[in-house]
Amino acid sequence: MDLQLLLIISFNFVIHLVGTLAFAFRIAGIRTGHIAIAFSLFNVLVLVSRLANSFQGPFLAKRVETAIQGSALSGLSFDFMLIIASASVATLAGGLLIPTFQRYSTRAVAAFQRTRSMPRLLMRSLTPRGVSAVAASAALPSYRNLQTLRGFGGAPIGAIALNFVATGLWTVGVMAAIYAGALDPEFRVTAATLSSIINGVATVIMFIMIDPFLSGLTDDVVHGRASEAYFRRVVVWMVASRLAGTVAAQALLLPGATAIAAVARWI
């Protein structure tokens, strides 16, 4: 594995890790009652994710360009499979880290209530005391929460299924569009721009169907209309469907890239 591929995998890992950790900040918002502050803290991680996404695209495009010029396309599909696999590993890691980040973000919300300054809070998190707080927050998911995967137990099947579809499309969108450029180099620029359509569909599902549902459920828990145990059950299933979506993206890569290349030639 060369340095370029390692960087692309690292960027993709960060993107999907941050996306999964969003659930931890929802739980912290419920625990503290300060949902807005919890999401403001999460936005710091979102900035890191967007920065990783900004770097990933050019590196990925450069890898395809180099493979086309060097007629080394045979191993390119395996590279893309490794990159998508990093999304699955990141989602699994994020799911396992949710209890840790939920505890740490709960402390961060309390600290922000005192300082009311994001820069000061970030500086304190880098001190020995801040690092020790991370270590003190370390925890693994409880076996009781993992047992919810044995059955839906009232979990919203529709939202879980939509989360699976949206994650699969979002994971493979850019990958398939850039890989389509390797299948048909003559239209690779057109193919790359078509990724916005796939990601757009995934974004519509996430922000019109899934996110409002989770936001409503979060408010229900805060106001006592739903239990925190039920919310945790939903989170476990959402992480599981997210993981399944990244795995399904492996099967979508080649058909998606072929379809995008065909559309690029047609338009």
C-alpha atoms as a PDB file:
ATOM      1  CA  MET A   1       0.000   0.000   0.000  1.00  0.00           C
ATOM      2  CA  ASP A   2       1.532   3.304  -1.096  1.00  0.00           C
ATOM      3  CA  LEU A   3       1.286   6.629   0.750  1.00  0.00           C
ATOM      4  CA  GLN A   4      -1.358   8.066  -1.590  1.00  0.00           C
ATOM      5  CA  LEU A   5      -3.721   5.141  -1.044  1.00  0.00           C
ATOM      6  CA  LEU A   6      -3.087   5.258   2.706  1.00  0.00           C
ATOM      7  CA  LEU A   7      -4.038   8.936   2.791  1.00  0.00           C
ATOM      8  CA  ILE A   8      -7.257   8.332   0.822  1.00  0.00           C
ATOM      9  CA  ILE A   9      -8.214   5.495   3.179  1.00  0.00           C
ATOM     10  CA  SER A  10      -7.438   7.694   6.202  1.00  0.00           C
ATOM     11  CA  PHE A  11      -9.584  10.547   4.883  1.00  0.00           C
ATOM     12  CA  ASN A  12     -12.476   8.190   4.168  1.00  0.00           C
ATOM     13  CA  PHE A  13     -12.112   6.663   7.629  1.00  0.00           C
ATOM     14  CA  VAL A  14     -12.387  10.083   9.290  1.00  0.00           C
ATOM     15  CA  ILE A  15     -15.446  11.027   7.209  1.00  0.00           C
ATOM     16  CA  HIS A  16     -17.422   7.936   8.201  1.00  0.00           C
ATOM     17  CA  LEU A  17     -16.176   7.908  11.792  1.00  0.00           C
ATOM     18  CA  VAL A  18     -17.483  11.433  12.355  1.00  0.00           C
ATOM     19  CA  GLY A  19     -20.801  10.574  10.697  1.00  0.00           C
ATOM     20  CA  THR A  20     -21.315   7.686  13.105  1.00  0.00           C
ATOM     21  CA  LEU A  21     -20.285   9.659  16.197  1.00  0.00           C
ATOM     22  CA  ALA A  22     -23.187  12.071  15.598  1.00  0.00           C
ATOM     23  CA  PHE A  23     -25.345   9.641  17.596  1.00  0.00           C
ATOM     24  CA  ALA A  24     -23.098  10.125  20.647  1.00  0.00           C
ATOM     25  CA  PHE A  25     -23.770  13.860  20.660  1.00  0.00           C
ATOM     26  CA  ARG A  26     -27.513  13.261  20.394  1.00  0.00           C
ATOM     27  CA  ILE A  27     -27.317  11.109  23.524  1.00  0.00           C
ATOM     28  CA  ALA A  28     -25.217  13.778  25.263  1.00  0.00           C
ATOM     29  CA  GLY A  29     -27.843  16.373  24.362  1.00  0.00           C
ATOM     30  CA  ILE A  30     -30.523  14.178  25.929  1.00  0.00           C
ATOM     31  CA  ARG A  31     -28.453  13.565  29.063  1.00  0.00           C
ATOM     32  CA  THR A  32     -27.680  17.248  29.613  1.00  0.00           C
ATOM     33  CA  GLY A  33     -30.837  18.772  28.209  1.00  0.00           C
ATOM     34  CA  HIS A  34     -28.674  21.088  26.084  1.00  0.00           C
ATOM     35  CA  ILE A  35     -29.238  19.692  22.610  1.00  0.00           C
ATOM     36  CA  ALA A  36     -28.201  22.863  20.775  1.00  0.00           C
ATOM     37  CA  ILE A  37     -24.865  23.042  22.626  1.00  0.00           C
ATOM     38  CA  ALA A  38     -24.202  19.355  21.977  1.00  0.00           C
ATOM     39  CA  PHE A  39     -24.690  19.860  18.249  1.00  0.00           C
ATOM     40  CA  SER A  40     -22.504  22.969  18.299  1.00  0.00           C
ATOM     41  CA  LEU A  41     -19.714  20.845  19.756  1.00  0.00           C
ATOM     42  CA  PHE A  42     -20.344  18.184  17.132  1.00  0.00           C
ATOM     43  CA  ASN A  43     -19.912  20.816  14.426  1.00  0.00           C
ATOM     44  CA  VAL A  44     -16.222  20.948  15.352  1.00  0.00           C
ATOM     45  CA  LEU A  45     -15.927  17.318  14.250  1.00  0.00           C
ATOM     46  CA  VAL A  46     -17.989  18.129  11.164  1.00  0.00           C
ATOM     47  CA  LEU A  47     -15.354  20.678  10.167  1.00  0.00           C
ATOM     48  CA  VAL A  48     -12.689  17.973  10.442  1.00  0.00           C
ATOM     49  CA  SER A  49     -14.835  15.654   8.334  1.00  0.00           C
ATOM     50  CA  ARG A  50     -15.363  18.279   5.627  1.00  0.00           C
ATOM     51  CA  LEU A  51     -11.657  19.030   5.556  1.00  0.00           C
ATOM     52  CA  ALA A  52     -10.950  15.319   5.062  1.00  0.00           C
ATOM     53  CA  ASN A  53     -13.574  15.194   2.319  1.00  0.00           C
ATOM     54  CA  SER A  54     -11.969  18.190   0.567  1.00  0.00           C
ATOM     55  CA  PHE A  55      -8.622  16.405   0.427  1.00  0.00           C
ATOM     56  CA  GLN A  56      -9.985  12.970  -0.444  1.00  0.00           C
ATOM     57  CA  GLY A  57     -11.551  13.964  -3.771  1.00  0.00           C
ATOM     58  CA  PRO A  58      -8.393  15.360  -5.416  1.00  0.00           C
ATOM     59  CA  PHE A  59      -6.235  12.490  -4.160  1.00  0.00           C
ATOM     60  CA  LEU A  60      -8.757   9.961  -5.465  1.00  0.00           C
ATOM     61  CA  ALA A  61      -9.023  11.689  -8.848  1.00  0.00           C
ATOM     62  CA  LYS A  62      -5.241  11.863  -9.120  1.00  0.00           C
ATOM     63  CA  ARG A  63      -4.981   8.131  -8.470  1.00  0.00           C
ATOM     64  CA  VAL A  64      -7.390   7.394 -11.321  1.00  0.00           C
ATOM     65  CA  GLU A  65      -5.587   9.821 -13.646  1.00  0.00           C
ATOM     66  CA  THR A  66      -2.246   8.164 -12.867  1.00  0.00           C
ATOM     67  CA  ALA A  67      -3.708   4.702 -13.452  1.00  0.00           C
ATOM     68  CA  ILE A  68      -5.165   5.771 -16.814  1.00  0.00           C
ATOM     69  CA  GLN A  69      -1.915   7.338 -18.002  1.00  0.00           C
ATOM     70  CA  GLY A  70       0.135   4.368 -16.857  1.00  0.00           C
ATOM     71  CA  SER A  71      -2.350   1.768 -18.160  1.00  0.00           C
ATOM     72  CA  ALA A  72      -2.455   0.285 -14.654  1.00  0.00           C
ATOM     73  CA  LEU A  73      -6.206  -0.112 -14.264  1.00  0.00           C
ATOM     74  CA  SER A  74      -6.107  -3.762 -13.203  1.00  0.00           C
ATOM     75  CA  GLY A  75      -5.485  -3.051  -9.533  1.00  0.00           C
ATOM     76  CA  LEU A  76      -7.677   0.041  -9.345  1.00  0.00           C
ATOM     77  CA  SER A  77     -10.864  -1.820  -8.466  1.00  0.00           C
ATOM     78  CA  PHE A  78      -9.110  -3.455  -5.500  1.00  0.00           C
ATOM     79  CA  ASP A  79      -7.956  -0.022  -4.310  1.00  0.00           C
ATOM     80  CA  PHE A  80     -11.537   1.223  -4.377  1.00  0.00           C
ATOM     81  CA  MET A  81     -12.697  -1.853  -2.486  1.00  0.00           C
ATOM     82  CA  LEU A  82     -10.131  -1.098   0.226  1.00  0.00           C
ATOM     83  CA  ILE A  83     -11.295   2.511   0.416  1.00  0.00           C
ATOM     84  CA  ILE A  84     -14.937   1.475   0.795  1.00  0.00           C
ATOM     85  CA  ALA A  85     -13.894  -1.150   3.355  1.00  0.00           C
ATOM     86  CA  SER A  86     -12.373   1.654   5.424  1.00  0.00           C
ATOM     87  CA  ALA A  87     -15.869   3.155   5.627  1.00  0.00           C
ATOM     88  CA  SER A  88     -17.159  -0.080   7.164  1.00  0.00           C
ATOM     89  CA  VAL A  89     -14.264  -0.223   9.641  1.00  0.00           C
ATOM     90  CA  ALA A  90     -14.825   3.443  10.565  1.00  0.00           C
ATOM     91  CA  THR A  91     -18.552   2.870  11.108  1.00  0.00           C
ATOM     92  CA  LEU A  92     -17.856  -0.132  13.325  1.00  0.00           C
ATOM     93  CA  ALA A  93     -15.214   1.813  15.257  1.00  0.00           C
ATOM     94  CA  GLY A  94     -17.579   4.762  15.607  1.00  0.00           C
ATOM     95  CA  GLY A  95     -20.314   2.499  16.955  1.00  0.00           C
ATOM     96  CA  LEU A  96     -17.939   1.067  19.550  1.00  0.00           C
ATOM     97  CA  LEU A  97     -16.778   4.573  20.504  1.00  0.00           C
ATOM     98  CA  ILE A  98     -20.283   5.999  20.990  1.00  0.00           C
ATOM     99  CA  PRO A  99     -20.345   5.304  24.768  1.00  0.00           C
ATOM    100  CA  THR A 100     -16.936   6.966  25.186  1.00  0.00           C
ATOM    101  CA  PHE A 101     -17.798  10.021  23.115  1.00  0.00           C
ATOM    102  CA  GLN A 102     -21.211  10.288  24.737  1.00  0.00           C
ATOM    103  CA  ARG A 103     -19.597  10.544  28.175  1.00  0.00           C
ATOM    104  CA  TYR A 104     -16.873  12.887  26.998  1.00  0.00           C
ATOM    105  CA  SER A 105     -19.250  15.138  25.087  1.00  0.00           C
ATOM    106  CA  THR A 106     -21.486  15.298  28.182  1.00  0.00           C
ATOM    107  CA  ARG A 107     -18.498  16.663  30.100  1.00  0.00           C
ATOM    108  CA  ALA A 108     -17.721  19.017  27.233  1.00  0.00           C
ATOM    109  CA  VAL A 109     -21.260  20.412  27.294  1.00  0.00           C
ATOM    110  CA  ALA A 110     -20.941  21.087  31.035  1.00  0.00           C
ATOM    111  CA  ALA A 111     -17.547  22.743  30.485  1.00  0.00           C
ATOM    112  CA  PHE A 112     -18.940  24.925  27.704  1.00  0.00           C
ATOM    113  CA  GLN A 113     -21.710  26.047  30.035  1.00  0.00           C
ATOM    114  CA  ARG A 114     -18.991  27.478  32.284  1.00  0.00           C
ATOM    115  CA  THR A 115     -16.622  28.936  29.675  1.00  0.00           C
ATOM    116  CA  ARG A 116     -19.069  29.894  26.876  1.00  0.00           C
ATOM    117  CA  SER A 117     -16.048  29.910  24.551  1.00  0.00           C
ATOM    118  CA  MET A 118     -15.350  27.258  21.950  1.00  0.00           C
ATOM    119  CA  PRO A 119     -11.651  28.215  21.464  1.00  0.00           C
ATOM    120  CA  ARG A 120     -11.062  28.063  25.226  1.00  0.00           C
ATOM    121  CA  LEU A 121     -12.812  24.702  25.435  1.00  0.00           C
ATOM    122  CA  LEU A 122     -10.681  23.322  22.603  1.00  0.00           C
ATOM    123  CA  MET A 123      -7.486  24.577  24.267  1.00  0.00           C
ATOM    124  CA  ARG A 124      -8.465  22.958  27.569  1.00  0.00           C
ATOM    125  CA  SER A 125      -9.138  19.665  25.819  1.00  0.00           C
ATOM    126  CA  LEU A 126      -5.457  19.568  24.767  1.00  0.00           C
ATOM    127  CA  THR A 127      -4.146  19.984  28.315  1.00  0.00           C
ATOM    128  CA  PRO A 128      -3.144  16.960  30.452  1.00  0.00           C
ATOM    129  CA  ARG A 129      -6.383  17.382  32.382  1.00  0.00           C
ATOM    130  CA  GLY A 130      -8.365  17.302  29.146  1.00  0.00           C
ATOM    131  CA  VAL A 131      -6.566  14.187  27.939  1.00  0.00           C
ATOM    132  CA  SER A 132      -7.190  12.475  31.275  1.00  0.00           C
ATOM    133  CA  ALA A 133     -10.898  13.308  30.892  1.00  0.00           C
ATOM    134  CA  VAL A 134     -10.919  11.384  27.603  1.00  0.00           C
ATOM    135  CA  ALA A 135      -9.283   8.408  29.304  1.00  0.00           C
ATOM    136  CA  ALA A 136     -11.770   8.585  32.181  1.00  0.00           C
ATOM    137  CA  SER A 137     -14.658   8.567  29.703  1.00  0.00           C
ATOM    138  CA  ALA A 138     -13.527   5.374  27.965  1.00  0.00           C
ATOM    139  CA  ALA A 139     -16.252   2.721  27.876  1.00  0.00           C
ATOM    140  CA  LEU A 140     -17.439  -0.093  25.643  1.00  0.00           C
ATOM    141  CA  PRO A 141     -21.045  -0.635  24.520  1.00  0.00           C
ATOM    142  CA  SER A 142     -22.990  -2.589  27.097  1.00  0.00           C
ATOM    143  CA  TYR A 143     -24.050  -6.115  26.261  1.00  0.00           C
ATOM    144  CA  ARG A 144     -27.634  -5.157  27.098  1.00  0.00           C
ATOM    145  CA  ASN A 145     -27.676  -2.530  24.347  1.00  0.00           C
ATOM    146  CA  LEU A 146     -26.168  -4.941  21.825  1.00  0.00           C
ATOM    147  CA  GLN A 147     -28.879  -7.465  22.648  1.00  0.00           C
ATOM    148  CA  THR A 148     -31.391  -5.171  20.941  1.00  0.00           C
ATOM    149  CA  LEU A 149     -30.100  -6.503  17.617  1.00  0.00           C
ATOM    150  CA  ARG A 150     -31.859  -9.791  18.333  1.00  0.00           C
ATOM    151  CA  GLY A 151     -35.152  -8.185  17.365  1.00  0.00           C
ATOM    152  CA  PHE A 152     -36.519  -4.835  16.288  1.00  0.00           C
ATOM    153  CA  GLY A 153     -38.403  -4.389  19.555  1.00  0.00           C
ATOM    154  CA  GLY A 154     -40.520  -1.534  18.243  1.00  0.00           C
ATOM    155  CA  ALA A 155     -37.626   0.119  16.407  1.00  0.00           C
ATOM    156  CA  PRO A 156     -38.743   2.032  13.272  1.00  0.00           C
ATOM    157  CA  ILE A 157     -38.137  -0.407  10.425  1.00  0.00           C
ATOM    158  CA  GLY A 158     -38.832   2.210   7.749  1.00  0.00           C
ATOM    159  CA  ALA A 159     -36.248   4.653   9.099  1.00  0.00           C
ATOM    160  CA  ILE A 160     -33.717   1.845   9.515  1.00  0.00           C
ATOM    161  CA  ALA A 161     -34.236   0.713   5.906  1.00  0.00           C
ATOM    162  CA  LEU A 162     -33.943   4.281   4.603  1.00  0.00           C
ATOM    163  CA  ASN A 163     -30.745   4.741   6.603  1.00  0.00           C
ATOM    164  CA  PHE A 164     -29.345   1.614   4.954  1.00  0.00           C
ATOM    165  CA  VAL A 165     -30.196   2.902   1.468  1.00  0.00           C
ATOM    166  CA  ALA A 166     -28.935   6.434   2.097  1.00  0.00           C
ATOM    167  CA  THR A 167     -25.656   5.234   3.594  1.00  0.00           C
ATOM    168  CA  GLY A 168     -25.031   2.843   0.716  1.00  0.00           C
ATOM    169  CA  LEU A 169     -25.605   5.586  -1.873  1.00  0.00           C
ATOM    170  CA  TRP A 170     -23.590   8.170   0.037  1.00  0.00           C
ATOM    171  CA  THR A 171     -20.682   5.767   0.540  1.00  0.00           C
ATOM    172  CA  VAL A 172     -20.456   4.744  -3.108  1.00  0.00           C
ATOM    173  CA  GLY A 173     -21.483   8.013  -4.781  1.00  0.00           C
ATOM    174  CA  VAL A 174     -18.119   9.710  -5.241  1.00  0.00           C
ATOM    175  CA  MET A 175     -16.288   6.394  -5.560  1.00  0.00           C
ATOM    176  CA  ALA A 176     -18.476   5.133  -8.394  1.00  0.00           C
ATOM    177  CA  ALA A 177     -18.373   8.453 -10.249  1.00  0.00           C
ATOM    178  CA  ILE A 178     -14.580   8.671 -10.169  1.00  0.00           C
ATOM    179  CA  TYR A 179     -14.171   4.969 -10.969  1.00  0.00           C
ATOM    180  CA  ALA A 180     -16.485   5.489 -13.964  1.00  0.00           C
ATOM    181  CA  GLY A 181     -13.798   7.799 -15.327  1.00  0.00           C
ATOM    182  CA  ALA A 182     -11.432   4.837 -15.384  1.00  0.00           C
ATOM    183  CA  LEU A 183     -13.985   2.743 -17.290  1.00  0.00           C
ATOM    184  CA  ASP A 184     -14.479   5.483 -19.891  1.00  0.00           C
ATOM    185  CA  PRO A 185     -11.550   7.939 -19.665  1.00  0.00           C
ATOM    186  CA  GLU A 186     -12.881  10.075 -22.510  1.00  0.00           C
ATOM    187  CA  PHE A 187     -15.808  11.239 -20.357  1.00  0.00           C
ATOM    188  CA  ARG A 188     -14.163  11.071 -16.931  1.00  0.00           C
ATOM    189  CA  VAL A 189     -14.763  14.754 -16.106  1.00  0.00           C
ATOM    190  CA  THR A 190     -18.467  14.431 -16.892  1.00  0.00           C
ATOM    191  CA  ALA A 191     -18.670  11.216 -14.890  1.00  0.00           C
ATOM    192  CA  ALA A 192     -17.024  12.825 -11.860  1.00  0.00           C
ATOM    193  CA  THR A 193     -19.605  15.625 -11.797  1.00  0.00           C
ATOM    194  CA  LEU A 194     -22.458  13.090 -11.735  1.00  0.00           C
ATOM    195  CA  SER A 195     -21.505  12.091  -8.180  1.00  0.00           C
ATOM    196  CA  SER A 196     -23.507  15.082  -6.947  1.00  0.00           C
ATOM    197  CA  ILE A 197     -26.706  13.460  -8.252  1.00  0.00           C
ATOM    198  CA  ILE A 198     -26.143  10.229  -6.309  1.00  0.00           C
ATOM    199  CA  ASN A 199     -25.066  12.076  -3.181  1.00  0.00           C
ATOM    200  CA  GLY A 200     -28.007  14.406  -3.668  1.00  0.00           C
ATOM    201  CA  VAL A 201     -30.455  11.506  -3.478  1.00  0.00           C
ATOM    202  CA  ALA A 202     -28.732  10.234  -0.330  1.00  0.00           C
ATOM    203  CA  THR A 203     -28.777  13.730   1.180  1.00  0.00           C
ATOM    204  CA  VAL A 204     -32.497  14.135   0.473  1.00  0.00           C
ATOM    205  CA  ILE A 205     -33.230  10.843   2.245  1.00  0.00           C
ATOM    206  CA  MET A 206     -31.029  11.757   5.201  1.00  0.00           C
ATOM    207  CA  PHE A 207     -32.191  15.340   5.744  1.00  0.00           C
ATOM    208  CA  ILE A 208     -35.859  15.029   4.788  1.00  0.00           C
ATOM    209  CA  MET A 209     -36.727  11.591   6.159  1.00  0.00           C
ATOM    210  CA  ILE A 210     -34.121  10.322   8.642  1.00  0.00           C
ATOM    211  CA  ASP A 211     -32.797  13.418  10.430  1.00  0.00           C
ATOM    212  CA  PRO A 212     -36.243  14.908  11.192  1.00  0.00           C
ATOM    213  CA  PHE A 213     -37.323  11.552  12.633  1.00  0.00           C
ATOM    214  CA  LEU A 214     -34.251  11.371  14.896  1.00  0.00           C
ATOM    215  CA  SER A 215     -34.635  15.020  15.914  1.00  0.00           C
ATOM    216  CA  GLY A 216     -38.272  14.459  16.826  1.00  0.00           C
ATOM    217  CA  LEU A 217     -37.376  11.350  18.786  1.00  0.00           C
ATOM    218  CA  THR A 218     -34.621  13.262  20.598  1.00  0.00           C
ATOM    219  CA  ASP A 219     -37.121  15.924  21.663  1.00  0.00           C
ATOM    220  CA  ASP A 220     -39.576  13.222  22.748  1.00  0.00           C
ATOM    221  CA  VAL A 221     -36.960  11.703  25.051  1.00  0.00           C
ATOM    222  CA  VAL A 222     -36.024  15.103  26.506  1.00  0.00           C
ATOM    223  CA  HIS A 223     -39.689  15.864  27.259  1.00  0.00           C
ATOM    224  CA  GLY A 224     -40.423  12.403  28.645  1.00  0.00           C
ATOM    225  CA  ARG A 225     -42.606  11.209  25.784  1.00  0.00           C
ATOM    226  CA  ALA A 226     -40.168   8.387  24.939  1.00  0.00           C
ATOM    227  CA  SER A 227     -37.633   6.509  27.042  1.00  0.00           C
ATOM    228  CA  GLU A 228     -33.878   6.802  26.735  1.00  0.00           C
ATOM    229  CA  ALA A 229     -33.728   3.000  26.515  1.00  0.00           C
ATOM    230  CA  TYR A 230     -35.874   3.120  23.376  1.00  0.00           C
ATOM    231  CA  PHE A 231     -33.678   5.859  21.916  1.00  0.00           C
ATOM    232  CA  ARG A 232     -30.578   3.734  22.535  1.00  0.00           C
ATOM    233  CA  ARG A 233     -32.281   0.798  20.815  1.00  0.00           C
ATOM    234  CA  VAL A 234     -32.934   2.976  17.785  1.00  0.00           C
ATOM    235  CA  VAL A 235     -29.307   4.191  17.802  1.00  0.00           C
ATOM    236  CA  VAL A 236     -28.000   0.616  17.838  1.00  0.00           C
ATOM    237  CA  TRP A 237     -30.157  -0.265  14.838  1.00  0.00           C
ATOM    238  CA  MET A 238     -29.188   2.938  13.021  1.00  0.00           C
ATOM    239  CA  VAL A 239     -25.500   2.152  13.454  1.00  0.00           C
ATOM    240  CA  ALA A 240     -26.094  -1.429  12.327  1.00  0.00           C
ATOM    241  CA  SER A 241     -27.976  -0.295   9.199  1.00  0.00           C
ATOM    242  CA  ARG A 242     -25.252   2.280   8.541  1.00  0.00           C
ATOM    243  CA  LEU A 243     -22.641  -0.474   8.730  1.00  0.00           C
ATOM    244  CA  ALA A 244     -24.717  -2.682   6.423  1.00  0.00           C
ATOM    245  CA  GLY A 245     -24.999   0.215   3.970  1.00  0.00           C
ATOM    246  CA  THR A 246     -21.214   0.611   3.750  1.00  0.00           C
ATOM    247  CA  VAL A 247     -20.873  -3.129   3.132  1.00  0.00           C
ATOM    248  CA  ALA A 248     -23.544  -3.005   0.420  1.00  0.00           C
ATOM    249  CA  ALA A 249     -21.605  -0.180  -1.237  1.00  0.00           C
ATOM    250  CA  GLN A 250     -19.006  -2.771  -2.259  1.00  0.00           C
ATOM    251  CA  ALA A 251     -21.599  -4.487  -4.451  1.00  0.00           C
ATOM    252  CA  LEU A 252     -22.835  -1.148  -5.814  1.00  0.00           C
ATOM    253  CA  LEU A 253     -19.424   0.109  -6.949  1.00  0.00           C
ATOM    254  CA  LEU A 254     -19.082  -1.598 -10.337  1.00  0.00           C
ATOM    255  CA  PRO A 255     -22.773  -1.412 -11.402  1.00  0.00           C
ATOM    256  CA  GLY A 256     -22.891   2.214 -10.249  1.00  0.00           C
ATOM    257  CA  ALA A 257     -19.707   3.128 -12.107  1.00  0.00           C
ATOM    258  CA  THR A 258     -20.949   1.384 -15.270  1.00  0.00           C
ATOM    259  CA  ALA A 259     -24.272   3.215 -15.106  1.00  0.00           C
ATOM    260  CA  ILE A 260     -22.568   6.571 -14.516  1.00  0.00           C
ATOM    261  CA  ALA A 261     -20.199   5.993 -17.462  1.00  0.00           C
ATOM    262  CA  ALA A 262     -23.201   5.209 -19.677  1.00  0.00           C
ATOM    263  CA  VAL A 263     -25.010   8.379 -18.551  1.00  0.00           C
ATOM    264  CA  ALA A 264     -21.832  10.431 -19.101  1.00  0.00           C
ATOM    265  CA  ARG A 265     -21.679   9.208 -22.707  1.00  0.00           C
ATOM    266  CA  TRP A 266     -25.407   9.768 -23.260  1.00  0.00           C
ATOM    267  CA  ILE A 267     -25.685  13.359 -22.029  1.00  0.00           C
END
